[in-house]
């Protein structure tokens, strides 16, 4: 007794399509997220470096050199003072933010201008790789590691390299940037879920379409095992399944014809055997028993 394997085969087709699609969606989504984060961080780094480079160049140009400038005022104090005296250019985001209470600082008191965290922290090195300024863990005057020096981006004043800036850690994104990244990630996630839903529907349909000829072939073979040799299955496609179906139809008809011829031969043989048996027990002329 043959068992119909169409359900298990259909399930295998569907699961194979689902697994392939899930792997494709995960790969594309993961690559898209990685490339988006990398490109976004690159753009943030370029903008932060442009600002930092301009601040350092202005600091050195104002006082003549880094050492001289350090004796007059710190780099942070210089930035606070110069930014308080300048209005931010149009359509360019500024690091300055109003106080949390929403009130403006009192006029004539630039020291109270609040400065938001810059997108990147930079380690500032001189052309020889000596630390000029940097976050905690980097001692001023110490020699920076070669790996850090290789990452340094040159800062020029009047065509001469005066320092190198090395980005430290990951960027400090503001609320708007984080909201933008979350929106893009959510879009990719929802797109992946939609693709998974379409894949499930497509996989079920394709699984049924692929296994339907096999189901018909299985039913025809089961009928043949019960004595119905002459079977015909509709050829639905000109592919491997179509070739298999045509071969099965020819085999079924050839087998049925051979069986019918064998039945005719068996009848003839049985008639001759009965006649010979009769001749062994009766006389052909007198019809008397021998």
C-alpha atoms as a PDB file:
ATOM      1  CA  UNK A   1       0.000   0.000   0.000  1.00  0.00           C
ATOM      2  CA  UNK A   2       1.515   3.265  -1.123  1.00  0.00           C
ATOM      3  CA  UNK A   3       1.370   6.306   1.131  1.00  0.00           C
ATOM      4  CA  UNK A   4       0.618   9.749  -0.345  1.00  0.00           C
ATOM      5  CA  UNK A   5       3.644  11.992   0.391  1.00  0.00           C
ATOM      6  CA  UNK A   6       2.170  15.195  -1.073  1.00  0.00           C
ATOM      7  CA  UNK A   7       1.655  16.959   2.260  1.00  0.00           C
ATOM      8  CA  UNK A   8       5.146  16.309   3.550  1.00  0.00           C
ATOM      9  CA  UNK A   9       6.679  17.245   0.187  1.00  0.00           C
ATOM     10  CA  UNK A  10       4.567  20.408   0.050  1.00  0.00           C
ATOM     11  CA  UNK A  11       5.710  21.259   3.560  1.00  0.00           C
ATOM     12  CA  UNK A  12       9.321  20.720   2.559  1.00  0.00           C
ATOM     13  CA  UNK A  13       8.955  23.009  -0.469  1.00  0.00           C
ATOM     14  CA  UNK A  14       7.283  25.694   1.633  1.00  0.00           C
ATOM     15  CA  UNK A  15       9.853  25.488   4.423  1.00  0.00           C
ATOM     16  CA  UNK A  16      12.701  25.600   1.900  1.00  0.00           C
ATOM     17  CA  UNK A  17      11.263  28.745   0.302  1.00  0.00           C
ATOM     18  CA  UNK A  18      10.672  30.312   3.707  1.00  0.00           C
ATOM     19  CA  UNK A  19      14.192  29.532   4.898  1.00  0.00           C
ATOM     20  CA  UNK A  20      15.737  30.912   1.703  1.00  0.00           C
ATOM     21  CA  UNK A  21      13.636  34.063   1.820  1.00  0.00           C
ATOM     22  CA  UNK A  22      14.266  34.586   5.532  1.00  0.00           C
ATOM     23  CA  UNK A  23      18.009  34.263   4.978  1.00  0.00           C
ATOM     24  CA  UNK A  24      17.831  36.715   2.062  1.00  0.00           C
ATOM     25  CA  UNK A  25      15.737  39.228   4.032  1.00  0.00           C
ATOM     26  CA  UNK A  26      18.022  38.952   7.068  1.00  0.00           C
ATOM     27  CA  UNK A  27      21.157  39.351   4.939  1.00  0.00           C
ATOM     28  CA  UNK A  28      19.833  42.324   2.988  1.00  0.00           C
ATOM     29  CA  UNK A  29      18.359  43.961   6.092  1.00  0.00           C
ATOM     30  CA  UNK A  30      21.498  43.442   8.133  1.00  0.00           C
ATOM     31  CA  UNK A  31      23.698  44.754   5.339  1.00  0.00           C
ATOM     32  CA  UNK A  32      21.410  47.765   4.864  1.00  0.00           C
ATOM     33  CA  UNK A  33      21.502  48.570   8.587  1.00  0.00           C
ATOM     34  CA  UNK A  34      25.268  48.200   8.720  1.00  0.00           C
ATOM     35  CA  UNK A  35      25.809  50.384   5.651  1.00  0.00           C
ATOM     36  CA  UNK A  36      23.354  52.990   6.933  1.00  0.00           C
ATOM     37  CA  UNK A  37      25.106  53.190  10.317  1.00  0.00           C
ATOM     38  CA  UNK A  38      28.517  53.353   8.678  1.00  0.00           C
ATOM     39  CA  UNK A  39      27.502  56.041   6.184  1.00  0.00           C
ATOM     40  CA  UNK A  40      25.659  58.070   8.826  1.00  0.00           C
ATOM     41  CA  UNK A  41      28.640  57.922  11.191  1.00  0.00           C
ATOM     42  CA  UNK A  42      30.931  58.935   8.332  1.00  0.00           C
ATOM     43  CA  UNK A  43      28.827  61.976   7.550  1.00  0.00           C
ATOM     44  CA  UNK A  44      28.637  62.930  11.225  1.00  0.00           C
ATOM     45  CA  UNK A  45      32.405  62.507  11.526  1.00  0.00           C
ATOM     46  CA  UNK A  46      33.068  64.685   8.485  1.00  0.00           C
ATOM     47  CA  UNK A  47      30.839  67.453   9.793  1.00  0.00           C
ATOM     48  CA  UNK A  48      32.306  67.229  13.311  1.00  0.00           C
ATOM     49  CA  UNK A  49      35.871  67.275  11.967  1.00  0.00           C
ATOM     50  CA  UNK A  50      35.116  70.277   9.789  1.00  0.00           C
ATOM     51  CA  UNK A  51      33.883  72.161  12.837  1.00  0.00           C
ATOM     52  CA  UNK A  52      36.730  70.991  15.046  1.00  0.00           C
ATOM     53  CA  UNK A  53      39.312  71.798  12.394  1.00  0.00           C
ATOM     54  CA  UNK A  54      37.889  75.289  11.995  1.00  0.00           C
ATOM     55  CA  UNK A  55      37.949  75.845  15.778  1.00  0.00           C
ATOM     56  CA  UNK A  56      41.561  74.655  16.129  1.00  0.00           C
ATOM     57  CA  UNK A  57      42.731  76.662  13.114  1.00  0.00           C
ATOM     58  CA  UNK A  58      41.012  79.786  14.412  1.00  0.00           C
ATOM     59  CA  UNK A  59      42.478  79.208  17.892  1.00  0.00           C
ATOM     60  CA  UNK A  60      46.018  78.923  16.519  1.00  0.00           C
ATOM     61  CA  UNK A  61      45.640  81.803  14.054  1.00  0.00           C
ATOM     62  CA  UNK A  62      44.353  84.087  16.808  1.00  0.00           C
ATOM     63  CA  UNK A  63      47.281  83.469  19.182  1.00  0.00           C
ATOM     64  CA  UNK A  64      50.074  82.480  16.798  1.00  0.00           C
ATOM     65  CA  UNK A  65      50.723  78.924  18.025  1.00  0.00           C
ATOM     66  CA  UNK A  66      49.180  76.247  20.202  1.00  0.00           C
ATOM     67  CA  UNK A  67      51.617  76.729  23.079  1.00  0.00           C
ATOM     68  CA  UNK A  68      51.120  80.493  23.099  1.00  0.00           C
ATOM     69  CA  UNK A  69      47.366  80.099  22.949  1.00  0.00           C
ATOM     70  CA  UNK A  70      47.386  77.690  25.905  1.00  0.00           C
ATOM     71  CA  UNK A  71      49.145  80.298  28.042  1.00  0.00           C
ATOM     72  CA  UNK A  72      46.500  82.933  27.227  1.00  0.00           C
ATOM     73  CA  UNK A  73      43.255  80.940  27.401  1.00  0.00           C
ATOM     74  CA  UNK A  74      42.150  77.336  27.110  1.00  0.00           C
ATOM     75  CA  UNK A  75      40.697  75.957  23.922  1.00  0.00           C
ATOM     76  CA  UNK A  76      37.308  75.471  25.605  1.00  0.00           C
ATOM     77  CA  UNK A  77      37.217  79.069  26.852  1.00  0.00           C
ATOM     78  CA  UNK A  78      38.165  80.322  23.399  1.00  0.00           C
ATOM     79  CA  UNK A  79      35.325  78.352  21.823  1.00  0.00           C
ATOM     80  CA  UNK A  80      32.817  79.623  24.356  1.00  0.00           C
ATOM     81  CA  UNK A  81      33.877  83.187  23.791  1.00  0.00           C
ATOM     82  CA  UNK A  82      33.989  83.085  19.994  1.00  0.00           C
ATOM     83  CA  UNK A  83      30.731  81.197  19.603  1.00  0.00           C
ATOM     84  CA  UNK A  84      28.937  83.543  21.957  1.00  0.00           C
ATOM     85  CA  UNK A  85      29.981  86.470  19.752  1.00  0.00           C
ATOM     86  CA  UNK A  86      28.968  84.766  16.507  1.00  0.00           C
ATOM     87  CA  UNK A  87      25.485  83.972  15.250  1.00  0.00           C
ATOM     88  CA  UNK A  88      25.061  80.526  13.726  1.00  0.00           C
ATOM     89  CA  UNK A  89      24.853  80.504   9.917  1.00  0.00           C
ATOM     90  CA  UNK A  90      21.517  79.758   8.312  1.00  0.00           C
ATOM     91  CA  UNK A  91      20.582  76.136   7.542  1.00  0.00           C
ATOM     92  CA  UNK A  92      23.622  74.837   9.439  1.00  0.00           C
ATOM     93  CA  UNK A  93      23.016  72.920  12.695  1.00  0.00           C
ATOM     94  CA  UNK A  94      24.711  74.421  15.728  1.00  0.00           C
ATOM     95  CA  UNK A  95      26.113  72.723  18.802  1.00  0.00           C
ATOM     96  CA  UNK A  96      24.616  75.501  20.925  1.00  0.00           C
ATOM     97  CA  UNK A  97      21.275  74.692  22.498  1.00  0.00           C
ATOM     98  CA  UNK A  98      18.987  76.766  24.718  1.00  0.00           C
ATOM     99  CA  UNK A  99      18.821  75.916  28.409  1.00  0.00           C
ATOM    100  CA  UNK A 100      16.526  73.089  29.454  1.00  0.00           C
ATOM    101  CA  UNK A 101      14.064  75.617  30.904  1.00  0.00           C
ATOM    102  CA  UNK A 102      13.661  77.217  27.473  1.00  0.00           C
ATOM    103  CA  UNK A 103      14.798  80.640  28.711  1.00  0.00           C
ATOM    104  CA  UNK A 104      17.490  82.537  26.914  1.00  0.00           C
ATOM    105  CA  UNK A 105      20.680  83.398  28.796  1.00  0.00           C
ATOM    106  CA  UNK A 106      20.846  86.962  30.020  1.00  0.00           C
ATOM    107  CA  UNK A 107      22.494  89.418  27.592  1.00  0.00           C
ATOM    108  CA  UNK A 108      26.085  90.409  28.165  1.00  0.00           C
ATOM    109  CA  UNK A 109      26.961  87.115  29.852  1.00  0.00           C
ATOM    110  CA  UNK A 110      28.418  84.880  27.116  1.00  0.00           C
ATOM    111  CA  UNK A 111      29.949  82.570  29.710  1.00  0.00           C
ATOM    112  CA  UNK A 112      26.496  81.135  30.367  1.00  0.00           C
ATOM    113  CA  UNK A 113      25.918  80.023  26.786  1.00  0.00           C
ATOM    114  CA  UNK A 114      25.334  76.283  26.989  1.00  0.00           C
ATOM    115  CA  UNK A 115      27.216  74.105  24.560  1.00  0.00           C
ATOM    116  CA  UNK A 116      25.850  70.703  23.625  1.00  0.00           C
ATOM    117  CA  UNK A 117      28.059  67.675  23.312  1.00  0.00           C
ATOM    118  CA  UNK A 118      29.820  67.575  19.939  1.00  0.00           C
ATOM    119  CA  UNK A 119      29.058  64.604  17.709  1.00  0.00           C
ATOM    120  CA  UNK A 120      32.628  63.282  18.129  1.00  0.00           C
ATOM    121  CA  UNK A 121      35.384  63.625  20.700  1.00  0.00           C
ATOM    122  CA  UNK A 122      38.781  64.232  19.127  1.00  0.00           C
ATOM    123  CA  UNK A 123      42.283  63.542  20.334  1.00  0.00           C
ATOM    124  CA  UNK A 124      44.477  66.409  19.167  1.00  0.00           C
ATOM    125  CA  UNK A 125      48.101  65.602  18.262  1.00  0.00           C
ATOM    126  CA  UNK A 126      50.917  67.762  16.985  1.00  0.00           C
ATOM    127  CA  UNK A 127      52.623  66.772  13.694  1.00  0.00           C
ATOM    128  CA  UNK A 128      55.107  64.610  15.657  1.00  0.00           C
ATOM    129  CA  UNK A 129      52.306  62.630  17.375  1.00  0.00           C
ATOM    130  CA  UNK A 130      52.468  64.277  20.809  1.00  0.00           C
ATOM    131  CA  UNK A 131      49.151  64.712  22.610  1.00  0.00           C
ATOM    132  CA  UNK A 132      48.048  68.355  22.727  1.00  0.00           C
ATOM    133  CA  UNK A 133      44.512  67.832  23.978  1.00  0.00           C
ATOM    134  CA  UNK A 134      42.174  64.924  24.434  1.00  0.00           C
ATOM    135  CA  UNK A 135      39.632  63.139  26.598  1.00  0.00           C
ATOM    136  CA  UNK A 136      40.510  61.372  29.829  1.00  0.00           C
ATOM    137  CA  UNK A 137      43.045  58.602  29.522  1.00  0.00           C
ATOM    138  CA  UNK A 138      45.320  60.557  27.179  1.00  0.00           C
ATOM    139  CA  UNK A 139      48.012  62.540  28.975  1.00  0.00           C
ATOM    140  CA  UNK A 140      49.026  65.863  27.452  1.00  0.00           C
ATOM    141  CA  UNK A 141      52.644  65.767  26.299  1.00  0.00           C
ATOM    142  CA  UNK A 142      52.730  61.970  25.958  1.00  0.00           C
ATOM    143  CA  UNK A 143      53.458  60.265  22.681  1.00  0.00           C
ATOM    144  CA  UNK A 144      50.380  58.770  21.051  1.00  0.00           C
ATOM    145  CA  UNK A 145      50.385  55.218  19.801  1.00  0.00           C
ATOM    146  CA  UNK A 146      51.188  54.535  16.174  1.00  0.00           C
ATOM    147  CA  UNK A 147      47.715  53.132  15.580  1.00  0.00           C
ATOM    148  CA  UNK A 148      46.175  56.429  16.709  1.00  0.00           C
ATOM    149  CA  UNK A 149      48.591  58.486  14.653  1.00  0.00           C
ATOM    150  CA  UNK A 150      47.625  56.541  11.522  1.00  0.00           C
ATOM    151  CA  UNK A 151      43.968  57.497  12.106  1.00  0.00           C
ATOM    152  CA  UNK A 152      44.804  61.195  12.448  1.00  0.00           C
ATOM    153  CA  UNK A 153      43.164  63.704  10.093  1.00  0.00           C
ATOM    154  CA  UNK A 154      45.413  66.620   9.273  1.00  0.00           C
ATOM    155  CA  UNK A 155      44.591  70.194  10.309  1.00  0.00           C
ATOM    156  CA  UNK A 156      46.190  72.923   8.197  1.00  0.00           C
ATOM    157  CA  UNK A 157      46.732  76.619   8.827  1.00  0.00           C
ATOM    158  CA  UNK A 158      47.828  78.696   5.823  1.00  0.00           C
ATOM    159  CA  UNK A 159      48.807  75.532   3.948  1.00  0.00           C
ATOM    160  CA  UNK A 160      50.927  74.099   6.778  1.00  0.00           C
ATOM    161  CA  UNK A 161      49.931  71.079   8.861  1.00  0.00           C
ATOM    162  CA  UNK A 162      49.782  72.191  12.489  1.00  0.00           C
ATOM    163  CA  UNK A 163      47.985  69.282  14.143  1.00  0.00           C
ATOM    164  CA  UNK A 164      46.159  65.980  13.677  1.00  0.00           C
ATOM    165  CA  UNK A 165      42.697  65.102  14.964  1.00  0.00           C
ATOM    166  CA  UNK A 166      41.890  61.495  15.902  1.00  0.00           C
ATOM    167  CA  UNK A 167      38.200  60.614  16.448  1.00  0.00           C
ATOM    168  CA  UNK A 168      37.625  58.773  19.731  1.00  0.00           C
ATOM    169  CA  UNK A 169      34.799  56.275  20.414  1.00  0.00           C
ATOM    170  CA  UNK A 170      31.437  56.309  18.707  1.00  0.00           C
ATOM    171  CA  UNK A 171      29.564  59.503  17.828  1.00  0.00           C
ATOM    172  CA  UNK A 172      27.326  61.352  20.289  1.00  0.00           C
ATOM    173  CA  UNK A 173      24.096  61.579  18.302  1.00  0.00           C
ATOM    174  CA  UNK A 174      21.449  64.119  19.183  1.00  0.00           C
ATOM    175  CA  UNK A 175      17.772  63.305  19.623  1.00  0.00           C
ATOM    176  CA  UNK A 176      16.923  64.165  16.020  1.00  0.00           C
ATOM    177  CA  UNK A 177      19.643  61.879  14.643  1.00  0.00           C
ATOM    178  CA  UNK A 178      18.600  59.031  16.916  1.00  0.00           C
ATOM    179  CA  UNK A 179      14.946  59.469  15.933  1.00  0.00           C
ATOM    180  CA  UNK A 180      15.958  59.372  12.269  1.00  0.00           C
ATOM    181  CA  UNK A 181      17.955  56.169  12.718  1.00  0.00           C
ATOM    182  CA  UNK A 182      15.123  54.549  14.678  1.00  0.00           C
ATOM    183  CA  UNK A 183      12.669  55.472  11.905  1.00  0.00           C
ATOM    184  CA  UNK A 184      14.934  53.940   9.249  1.00  0.00           C
ATOM    185  CA  UNK A 185      15.461  50.781  11.323  1.00  0.00           C
ATOM    186  CA  UNK A 186      11.719  50.445  11.915  1.00  0.00           C
ATOM    187  CA  UNK A 187      11.109  50.843   8.189  1.00  0.00           C
ATOM    188  CA  UNK A 188      13.575  48.053   7.447  1.00  0.00           C
ATOM    189  CA  UNK A 189      12.015  45.816  10.102  1.00  0.00           C
ATOM    190  CA  UNK A 190       8.466  46.382   8.851  1.00  0.00           C
ATOM    191  CA  UNK A 191       9.645  45.867   5.299  1.00  0.00           C
ATOM    192  CA  UNK A 192      11.232  42.578   6.354  1.00  0.00           C
ATOM    193  CA  UNK A 193       8.009  41.454   8.056  1.00  0.00           C
ATOM    194  CA  UNK A 194       6.011  42.346   4.951  1.00  0.00           C
ATOM    195  CA  UNK A 195       8.485  40.426   2.792  1.00  0.00           C
ATOM    196  CA  UNK A 196       8.155  37.437   5.151  1.00  0.00           C
ATOM    197  CA  UNK A 197       4.355  37.557   4.833  1.00  0.00           C
ATOM    198  CA  UNK A 198       4.538  37.692   1.053  1.00  0.00           C
ATOM    199  CA  UNK A 199       7.031  34.829   1.140  1.00  0.00           C
ATOM    200  CA  UNK A 200       4.698  32.655   3.237  1.00  0.00           C
ATOM    201  CA  UNK A 201       1.825  33.201   0.792  1.00  0.00           C
ATOM    202  CA  UNK A 202       4.068  32.669  -2.212  1.00  0.00           C
ATOM    203  CA  UNK A 203       5.656  29.590  -0.659  1.00  0.00           C
ATOM    204  CA  UNK A 204       2.282  27.954   0.026  1.00  0.00           C
ATOM    205  CA  UNK A 205       1.074  28.686  -3.515  1.00  0.00           C
ATOM    206  CA  UNK A 206       4.275  27.471  -5.155  1.00  0.00           C
ATOM    207  CA  UNK A 207       4.347  24.399  -2.905  1.00  0.00           C
ATOM    208  CA  UNK A 208       0.840  23.446  -3.958  1.00  0.00           C
ATOM    209  CA  UNK A 209       1.576  24.116  -7.608  1.00  0.00           C
ATOM    210  CA  UNK A 210       4.742  22.026  -7.576  1.00  0.00           C
ATOM    211  CA  UNK A 211       3.295  19.099  -5.627  1.00  0.00           C
ATOM    212  CA  UNK A 212      -0.079  18.873  -7.444  1.00  0.00           C
ATOM    213  CA  UNK A 213       1.321  16.827 -10.394  1.00  0.00           C
ATOM    214  CA  UNK A 214       3.113  14.568  -7.933  1.00  0.00           C
ATOM    215  CA  UNK A 215      -0.146  14.073  -6.039  1.00  0.00           C
ATOM    216  CA  UNK A 216      -1.887  13.053  -9.252  1.00  0.00           C
ATOM    217  CA  UNK A 217       0.961  10.685 -10.140  1.00  0.00           C
ATOM    218  CA  UNK A 218       0.818   9.112  -6.685  1.00  0.00           C
ATOM    219  CA  UNK A 219      -2.945   8.593  -6.951  1.00  0.00           C
ATOM    220  CA  UNK A 220      -2.526   7.026 -10.406  1.00  0.00           C
ATOM    221  CA  UNK A 221       0.163   4.648  -9.135  1.00  0.00           C
ATOM    222  CA  UNK A 222      -2.061   3.612  -6.227  1.00  0.00           C
ATOM    223  CA  UNK A 223      -4.884   2.884  -8.706  1.00  0.00           C
ATOM    224  CA  UNK A 224      -2.510   0.736 -10.748  1.00  0.00           C
ATOM    225  CA  UNK A 225      -1.607  -1.331  -7.686  1.00  0.00           C
ATOM    226  CA  UNK A 226      -5.341  -2.084  -7.336  1.00  0.00           C
ATOM    227  CA  UNK A 227      -5.590  -3.381 -10.889  1.00  0.00           C
ATOM    228  CA  UNK A 228      -6.545  -0.275 -12.873  1.00  0.00           C
ATOM    229  CA  UNK A 229      -3.545  -0.298 -15.165  1.00  0.00           C
ATOM    230  CA  UNK A 230      -4.718   2.176 -17.804  1.00  0.00           C
ATOM    231  CA  UNK A 231      -4.105   5.578 -16.163  1.00  0.00           C
ATOM    232  CA  UNK A 232      -3.645   9.017 -17.663  1.00  0.00           C
ATOM    233  CA  UNK A 233      -2.360  12.094 -15.793  1.00  0.00           C
ATOM    234  CA  UNK A 234      -2.726  15.561 -17.303  1.00  0.00           C
ATOM    235  CA  UNK A 235       0.554  17.128 -18.443  1.00  0.00           C
ATOM    236  CA  UNK A 236       0.536  20.631 -16.916  1.00  0.00           C
ATOM    237  CA  UNK A 237       4.053  21.870 -17.681  1.00  0.00           C
ATOM    238  CA  UNK A 238       6.894  21.327 -20.119  1.00  0.00           C
ATOM    239  CA  UNK A 239       9.529  20.677 -17.496  1.00  0.00           C
ATOM    240  CA  UNK A 240      10.932  17.670 -15.640  1.00  0.00           C
ATOM    241  CA  UNK A 241       7.546  16.949 -14.046  1.00  0.00           C
ATOM    242  CA  UNK A 242       5.920  17.162 -17.473  1.00  0.00           C
ATOM    243  CA  UNK A 243       8.448  14.701 -18.911  1.00  0.00           C
ATOM    244  CA  UNK A 244       7.891  12.378 -15.958  1.00  0.00           C
ATOM    245  CA  UNK A 245       4.102  12.563 -16.451  1.00  0.00           C
ATOM    246  CA  UNK A 246       4.352  11.807 -20.185  1.00  0.00           C
ATOM    247  CA  UNK A 247       6.645   8.848 -19.490  1.00  0.00           C
ATOM    248  CA  UNK A 248       4.225   7.554 -16.853  1.00  0.00           C
ATOM    249  CA  UNK A 249       1.275   7.831 -19.254  1.00  0.00           C
ATOM    250  CA  UNK A 250       3.149   5.884 -21.955  1.00  0.00           C
ATOM    251  CA  UNK A 251       4.244   3.283 -19.417  1.00  0.00           C
ATOM    252  CA  UNK A 252       0.684   2.949 -18.098  1.00  0.00           C
ATOM    253  CA  UNK A 253      -0.819   2.395 -21.560  1.00  0.00           C
ATOM    254  CA  UNK A 254       1.981   0.030 -22.642  1.00  0.00           C
ATOM    255  CA  UNK A 255       1.579  -1.962 -19.452  1.00  0.00           C
ATOM    256  CA  UNK A 256      -2.205  -2.082 -19.876  1.00  0.00           C
ATOM    257  CA  UNK A 257      -1.872  -3.234 -23.519  1.00  0.00           C
ATOM    258  CA  UNK A 258       0.705  -5.864 -22.538  1.00  0.00           C
ATOM    259  CA  UNK A 259      -1.573  -7.077 -19.746  1.00  0.00           C
ATOM    260  CA  UNK A 260      -4.556  -7.347 -22.093  1.00  0.00           C
ATOM    261  CA  UNK A 261      -2.462  -9.285 -24.628  1.00  0.00           C
ATOM    262  CA  UNK A 262      -1.254 -11.525 -21.832  1.00  0.00           C
ATOM    263  CA  UNK A 263      -4.848 -12.115 -20.744  1.00  0.00           C
ATOM    264  CA  UNK A 264      -5.791 -13.107 -24.323  1.00  0.00           C
ATOM    265  CA  UNK A 265      -2.798 -15.439 -24.482  1.00  0.00           C
ATOM    266  CA  UNK A 266      -3.717 -16.946 -21.122  1.00  0.00           C
ATOM    267  CA  UNK A 267      -7.279 -17.594 -22.320  1.00  0.00           C
ATOM    268  CA  UNK A 268      -5.959 -19.332 -25.440  1.00  0.00           C
ATOM    269  CA  UNK A 269      -3.526 -21.390 -23.364  1.00  0.00           C
ATOM    270  CA  UNK A 270      -6.297 -22.349 -20.915  1.00  0.00           C
ATOM    271  CA  UNK A 271      -8.583 -23.435 -23.781  1.00  0.00           C
ATOM    272  CA  UNK A 272      -5.812 -25.567 -25.293  1.00  0.00           C
ATOM    273  CA  UNK A 273      -4.982 -27.062 -21.910  1.00  0.00           C
ATOM    274  CA  UNK A 274      -8.630 -27.957 -21.342  1.00  0.00           C
ATOM    275  CA  UNK A 275      -8.774 -29.578 -24.779  1.00  0.00           C
ATOM    276  CA  UNK A 276      -5.623 -31.594 -24.158  1.00  0.00           C
ATOM    277  CA  UNK A 277      -6.975 -32.669 -20.786  1.00  0.00           C
ATOM    278  CA  UNK A 278     -10.195 -33.793 -22.482  1.00  0.00           C
ATOM    279  CA  UNK A 279      -8.241 -35.758 -25.074  1.00  0.00           C
ATOM    280  CA  UNK A 280      -6.402 -37.633 -22.342  1.00  0.00           C
ATOM    281  CA  UNK A 281      -9.616 -38.906 -20.788  1.00  0.00           C
ATOM    282  CA  UNK A 282     -11.956 -39.291 -23.825  1.00  0.00           C
ATOM    283  CA  UNK A 283     -11.657 -40.748 -27.231  1.00  0.00           C
ATOM    284  CA  UNK A 284     -11.999 -38.044 -29.823  1.00  0.00           C
ATOM    285  CA  UNK A 285     -14.110 -40.199 -32.211  1.00  0.00           C
ATOM    286  CA  UNK A 286     -16.332 -42.181 -29.830  1.00  0.00           C
ATOM    287  CA  UNK A 287     -16.361 -39.652 -27.007  1.00  0.00           C
ATOM    288  CA  UNK A 288     -15.948 -42.620 -24.654  1.00  0.00           C
ATOM    289  CA  UNK A 289     -13.636 -42.498 -21.666  1.00  0.00           C
ATOM    290  CA  UNK A 290     -10.312 -44.125 -22.291  1.00  0.00           C
END
